[in-house]
Amino acid sequence: MKKNLRDRIMREHRFIAKCIFQGLTIAQIAKKLGCSESTVSNRLNSLFKKYKAKNRFEFIISVFGQIIENQKILYNKIEVENLKLRKSIETLLQQSQI
């Protein structure tokens, strides 16, 4: 798949996900996107498959679960970097006292 097409589909997926979070129907999303309802339905099914969801509710829960998990990973990386920085500062302080 060409990069431009892949990027366009990813943007559509994000837009459709936002619309789902807002409670819009497939018809309303199609109108906003300027495409057919079947295109929106296909994209939505693709999103459901990606997030292992059977319906909109499971999709929303799965997306928010992933967001929370990503935040935990980011937090842990920050904590690791903070520990490294503290150790470096302690080492520098110890060396300056010699």
N, C-alpha and C. Protein backbone atom coordinates (compact mmCIF):
# COMPACT_ATOMS: atom_id res chain seq x y z
N MET A 1 0.84 -1.17 0.00
CA MET A 1 0.00 0.00 0.00
C MET A 1 0.89 1.24 0.00
N LYS A 2 0.56 2.20 -0.84
CA LYS A 2 1.38 3.41 -0.91
C LYS A 2 1.24 4.23 0.36
N LYS A 3 2.31 4.96 0.68
CA LYS A 3 2.35 5.74 1.91
C LYS A 3 1.20 6.75 1.98
N ASN A 4 0.92 7.47 0.89
CA ASN A 4 -0.15 8.47 0.91
C ASN A 4 -1.51 7.85 1.20
N LEU A 5 -1.78 6.70 0.58
CA LEU A 5 -3.04 6.02 0.82
C LEU A 5 -3.12 5.53 2.27
N ARG A 6 -2.02 4.97 2.76
CA ARG A 6 -1.98 4.48 4.15
C ARG A 6 -2.19 5.65 5.12
N ASP A 7 -1.56 6.79 4.86
CA ASP A 7 -1.72 7.96 5.72
C ASP A 7 -3.17 8.45 5.71
N ARG A 8 -3.79 8.46 4.53
CA ARG A 8 -5.18 8.92 4.41
C ARG A 8 -6.10 7.99 5.19
N ILE A 9 -5.88 6.70 5.07
CA ILE A 9 -6.72 5.73 5.80
C ILE A 9 -6.53 5.89 7.31
N MET A 10 -5.28 6.11 7.73
CA MET A 10 -5.03 6.31 9.17
C MET A 10 -5.73 7.57 9.68
N ARG A 11 -5.71 8.64 8.89
CA ARG A 11 -6.42 9.87 9.28
C ARG A 11 -7.92 9.60 9.36
N GLU A 12 -8.46 8.85 8.38
CA GLU A 12 -9.88 8.50 8.41
C GLU A 12 -10.20 7.66 9.65
N HIS A 13 -9.33 6.72 9.98
CA HIS A 13 -9.55 5.89 11.17
C HIS A 13 -9.61 6.76 12.42
N ARG A 14 -8.67 7.69 12.55
CA ARG A 14 -8.68 8.58 13.72
C ARG A 14 -9.95 9.41 13.76
N PHE A 15 -10.36 9.94 12.60
CA PHE A 15 -11.56 10.76 12.53
C PHE A 15 -12.78 9.93 12.90
N ILE A 16 -12.87 8.72 12.36
CA ILE A 16 -14.00 7.84 12.66
C ILE A 16 -14.02 7.50 14.15
N ALA A 17 -12.86 7.23 14.72
CA ALA A 17 -12.79 6.93 16.16
C ALA A 17 -13.32 8.11 16.97
N LYS A 18 -12.91 9.33 16.61
CA LYS A 18 -13.41 10.52 17.33
C LYS A 18 -14.92 10.62 17.20
N CYS A 19 -15.44 10.35 16.02
CA CYS A 19 -16.89 10.40 15.80
C CYS A 19 -17.61 9.35 16.63
N ILE A 20 -17.03 8.16 16.74
CA ILE A 20 -17.61 7.10 17.56
C ILE A 20 -17.66 7.55 19.01
N PHE A 21 -16.58 8.19 19.48
CA PHE A 21 -16.54 8.69 20.86
C PHE A 21 -17.64 9.72 21.09
N GLN A 22 -17.99 10.46 20.02
CA GLN A 22 -19.04 11.47 20.13
C GLN A 22 -20.44 10.88 19.96
N GLY A 23 -20.53 9.59 19.63
CA GLY A 23 -21.81 8.93 19.51
C GLY A 23 -22.50 9.10 18.16
N LEU A 24 -21.74 9.50 17.13
CA LEU A 24 -22.34 9.69 15.81
C LEU A 24 -22.67 8.35 15.15
N THR A 25 -23.67 8.37 14.29
CA THR A 25 -24.05 7.18 13.55
C THR A 25 -23.15 7.04 12.31
N ILE A 26 -23.21 5.87 11.69
CA ILE A 26 -22.44 5.64 10.47
C ILE A 26 -22.85 6.65 9.39
N ALA A 27 -24.16 6.92 9.29
CA ALA A 27 -24.65 7.88 8.29
C ALA A 27 -24.08 9.28 8.55
N GLN A 28 -24.06 9.68 9.81
CA GLN A 28 -23.52 11.01 10.16
C GLN A 28 -22.02 11.10 9.86
N ILE A 29 -21.30 10.02 10.15
CA ILE A 29 -19.85 10.00 9.89
C ILE A 29 -19.60 10.05 8.39
N ALA A 30 -20.38 9.28 7.63
CA ALA A 30 -20.22 9.27 6.17
C ALA A 30 -20.45 10.66 5.59
N LYS A 31 -21.46 11.33 6.09
CA LYS A 31 -21.75 12.69 5.62
C LYS A 31 -20.58 13.63 5.92
N LYS A 32 -20.02 13.52 7.12
CA LYS A 32 -18.88 14.37 7.50
C LYS A 32 -17.66 14.07 6.64
N LEU A 33 -17.44 12.79 6.34
CA LEU A 33 -16.28 12.39 5.54
C LEU A 33 -16.50 12.59 4.04
N GLY A 34 -17.76 12.68 3.64
CA GLY A 34 -18.07 12.80 2.23
C GLY A 34 -17.85 11.49 1.48
N CYS A 35 -18.19 10.39 2.14
CA CYS A 35 -18.04 9.07 1.51
C CYS A 35 -19.29 8.25 1.79
N SER A 36 -19.31 7.04 1.30
CA SER A 36 -20.49 6.19 1.48
C SER A 36 -20.51 5.59 2.88
N GLU A 37 -21.71 5.18 3.28
CA GLU A 37 -21.86 4.52 4.58
C GLU A 37 -21.11 3.19 4.59
N SER A 38 -21.05 2.53 3.43
CA SER A 38 -20.34 1.24 3.39
C SER A 38 -18.84 1.44 3.61
N THR A 39 -18.30 2.56 3.12
CA THR A 39 -16.88 2.85 3.36
C THR A 39 -16.64 3.05 4.85
N VAL A 40 -17.50 3.82 5.50
CA VAL A 40 -17.38 4.04 6.94
C VAL A 40 -17.52 2.72 7.68
N SER A 41 -18.49 1.92 7.28
CA SER A 41 -18.70 0.63 7.93
C SER A 41 -17.46 -0.27 7.78
N ASN A 42 -16.87 -0.27 6.59
CA ASN A 42 -15.65 -1.06 6.38
C ASN A 42 -14.51 -0.56 7.26
N ARG A 43 -14.34 0.75 7.33
CA ARG A 43 -13.28 1.32 8.18
C ARG A 43 -13.54 0.99 9.65
N LEU A 44 -14.80 1.09 10.04
CA LEU A 44 -15.16 0.81 11.43
C LEU A 44 -14.89 -0.66 11.76
N ASN A 45 -15.24 -1.55 10.86
CA ASN A 45 -14.95 -2.97 11.07
C ASN A 45 -13.45 -3.22 11.17
N SER A 46 -12.68 -2.49 10.38
CA SER A 46 -11.22 -2.60 10.44
C SER A 46 -10.71 -2.15 11.81
N LEU A 47 -11.28 -1.06 12.32
CA LEU A 47 -10.90 -0.59 13.65
C LEU A 47 -11.29 -1.59 14.73
N PHE A 48 -12.50 -2.14 14.61
CA PHE A 48 -12.94 -3.14 15.58
C PHE A 48 -11.98 -4.33 15.60
N LYS A 49 -11.59 -4.76 14.43
CA LYS A 49 -10.68 -5.91 14.32
C LYS A 49 -9.33 -5.57 14.95
N LYS A 50 -8.82 -4.38 14.65
CA LYS A 50 -7.53 -3.95 15.18
C LYS A 50 -7.54 -3.92 16.71
N TYR A 51 -8.65 -3.47 17.28
CA TYR A 51 -8.75 -3.34 18.73
C TYR A 51 -9.47 -4.53 19.38
N LYS A 52 -9.73 -5.57 18.59
CA LYS A 52 -10.38 -6.79 19.08
C LYS A 52 -11.69 -6.47 19.79
N ALA A 53 -12.48 -5.61 19.15
CA ALA A 53 -13.77 -5.20 19.71
C ALA A 53 -14.91 -5.76 18.86
N LYS A 54 -16.01 -6.10 19.53
CA LYS A 54 -17.19 -6.62 18.83
C LYS A 54 -18.23 -5.54 18.58
N ASN A 55 -18.10 -4.42 19.30
CA ASN A 55 -19.07 -3.34 19.16
C ASN A 55 -18.43 -2.01 19.57
N ARG A 56 -19.20 -0.94 19.46
CA ARG A 56 -18.67 0.40 19.77
C ARG A 56 -18.19 0.51 21.22
N PHE A 57 -18.96 -0.05 22.13
CA PHE A 57 -18.59 0.03 23.54
C PHE A 57 -17.24 -0.63 23.79
N GLU A 58 -17.07 -1.85 23.29
CA GLU A 58 -15.79 -2.54 23.46
C GLU A 58 -14.66 -1.78 22.78
N PHE A 59 -14.95 -1.17 21.64
CA PHE A 59 -13.94 -0.38 20.93
C PHE A 59 -13.47 0.79 21.80
N ILE A 60 -14.42 1.53 22.35
CA ILE A 60 -14.07 2.69 23.18
C ILE A 60 -13.27 2.25 24.40
N ILE A 61 -13.71 1.19 25.06
CA ILE A 61 -13.00 0.68 26.24
C ILE A 61 -11.58 0.26 25.85
N SER A 62 -11.45 -0.41 24.72
CA SER A 62 -10.14 -0.88 24.26
C SER A 62 -9.20 0.28 23.95
N VAL A 63 -9.73 1.30 23.27
CA VAL A 63 -8.90 2.47 22.93
C VAL A 63 -8.44 3.17 24.20
N PHE A 64 -9.36 3.41 25.13
CA PHE A 64 -8.98 4.08 26.36
C PHE A 64 -8.02 3.23 27.20
N GLY A 65 -8.21 1.91 27.16
CA GLY A 65 -7.28 1.02 27.84
C GLY A 65 -5.88 1.14 27.27
N GLN A 66 -5.79 1.23 25.94
CA GLN A 66 -4.49 1.38 25.30
C GLN A 66 -3.86 2.73 25.64
N ILE A 67 -4.67 3.78 25.68
CA ILE A 67 -4.16 5.11 26.05
C ILE A 67 -3.58 5.08 27.46
N ILE A 68 -4.31 4.46 28.38
CA ILE A 68 -3.84 4.35 29.77
C ILE A 68 -2.54 3.56 29.83
N GLU A 69 -2.48 2.45 29.09
CA GLU A 69 -1.27 1.62 29.07
C GLU A 69 -0.09 2.41 28.51
N ASN A 70 -0.32 3.18 27.45
CA ASN A 70 0.74 4.00 26.87
C ASN A 70 1.23 5.05 27.86
N GLN A 71 0.30 5.61 28.64
CA GLN A 71 0.68 6.60 29.64
C GLN A 71 1.53 5.96 30.73
N LYS A 72 1.18 4.73 31.11
CA LYS A 72 1.98 4.01 32.12
C LYS A 72 3.40 3.77 31.60
N ILE A 73 3.51 3.35 30.35
CA ILE A 73 4.82 3.10 29.76
C ILE A 73 5.63 4.38 29.73
N LEU A 74 5.01 5.47 29.31
CA LEU A 74 5.70 6.77 29.26
C LEU A 74 6.14 7.19 30.67
N TYR A 75 5.26 7.03 31.64
CA TYR A 75 5.58 7.37 33.03
C TYR A 75 6.78 6.57 33.51
N ASN A 76 6.79 5.26 33.22
CA ASN A 76 7.91 4.41 33.64
C ASN A 76 9.22 4.84 32.99
N LYS A 77 9.17 5.22 31.71
CA LYS A 77 10.38 5.69 31.03
C LYS A 77 10.90 6.97 31.67
N ILE A 78 9.99 7.86 32.03
CA ILE A 78 10.38 9.11 32.69
C ILE A 78 11.01 8.80 34.04
N GLU A 79 10.42 7.87 34.79
CA GLU A 79 10.97 7.49 36.09
C GLU A 79 12.38 6.92 35.96
N VAL A 80 12.60 6.09 34.94
CA VAL A 80 13.93 5.51 34.71
C VAL A 80 14.92 6.63 34.40
N GLU A 81 14.53 7.57 33.56
CA GLU A 81 15.42 8.68 33.22
C GLU A 81 15.70 9.54 34.45
N ASN A 82 14.70 9.75 35.29
CA ASN A 82 14.90 10.51 36.52
C ASN A 82 15.90 9.81 37.45
N LEU A 83 15.79 8.49 37.57
CA LEU A 83 16.73 7.74 38.40
C LEU A 83 18.15 7.86 37.86
N LYS A 84 18.31 7.74 36.55
CA LYS A 84 19.63 7.88 35.94
C LYS A 84 20.20 9.28 36.21
N LEU A 85 19.35 10.28 36.08
CA LEU A 85 19.79 11.66 36.32
C LEU A 85 20.20 11.86 37.77
N ARG A 86 19.41 11.33 38.71
CA ARG A 86 19.76 11.44 40.13
C ARG A 86 21.09 10.76 40.43
N LYS A 87 21.31 9.58 39.86
CA LYS A 87 22.57 8.87 40.08
C LYS A 87 23.74 9.66 39.52
N SER A 88 23.55 10.26 38.35
CA SER A 88 24.61 11.07 37.75
C SER A 88 24.93 12.27 38.63
N ILE A 89 23.90 12.90 39.16
CA ILE A 89 24.11 14.06 40.03
C ILE A 89 24.81 13.64 41.32
N GLU A 90 24.38 12.50 41.89
CA GLU A 90 25.03 12.00 43.11
C GLU A 90 26.49 11.70 42.85
N THR A 91 26.79 11.08 41.71
CA THR A 91 28.18 10.76 41.35
C THR A 91 28.98 12.04 41.23
N LEU A 92 28.44 13.03 40.56
CA LEU A 92 29.14 14.31 40.41
C LEU A 92 29.39 14.98 41.75
N LEU A 93 28.41 14.93 42.61
CA LEU A 93 28.56 15.53 43.94
C LEU A 93 29.62 14.81 44.75
N GLN A 94 29.63 13.48 44.66
CA GLN A 94 30.64 12.69 45.39
C GLN A 94 32.03 13.00 44.86
N GLN A 95 32.17 13.11 43.54
CA GLN A 95 33.46 13.40 42.94
C GLN A 95 33.94 14.80 43.31
N SER A 96 33.03 15.72 43.45
CA SER A 96 33.43 17.10 43.78
C SER A 96 33.85 17.23 45.24
N GLN A 97 33.47 16.26 46.07
CA GLN A 97 33.84 16.29 47.48
C GLN A 97 35.18 15.62 47.75
N ILE A 98 35.73 14.97 46.74
CA ILE A 98 37.00 14.24 46.92
C ILE A 98 38.14 15.19 47.10
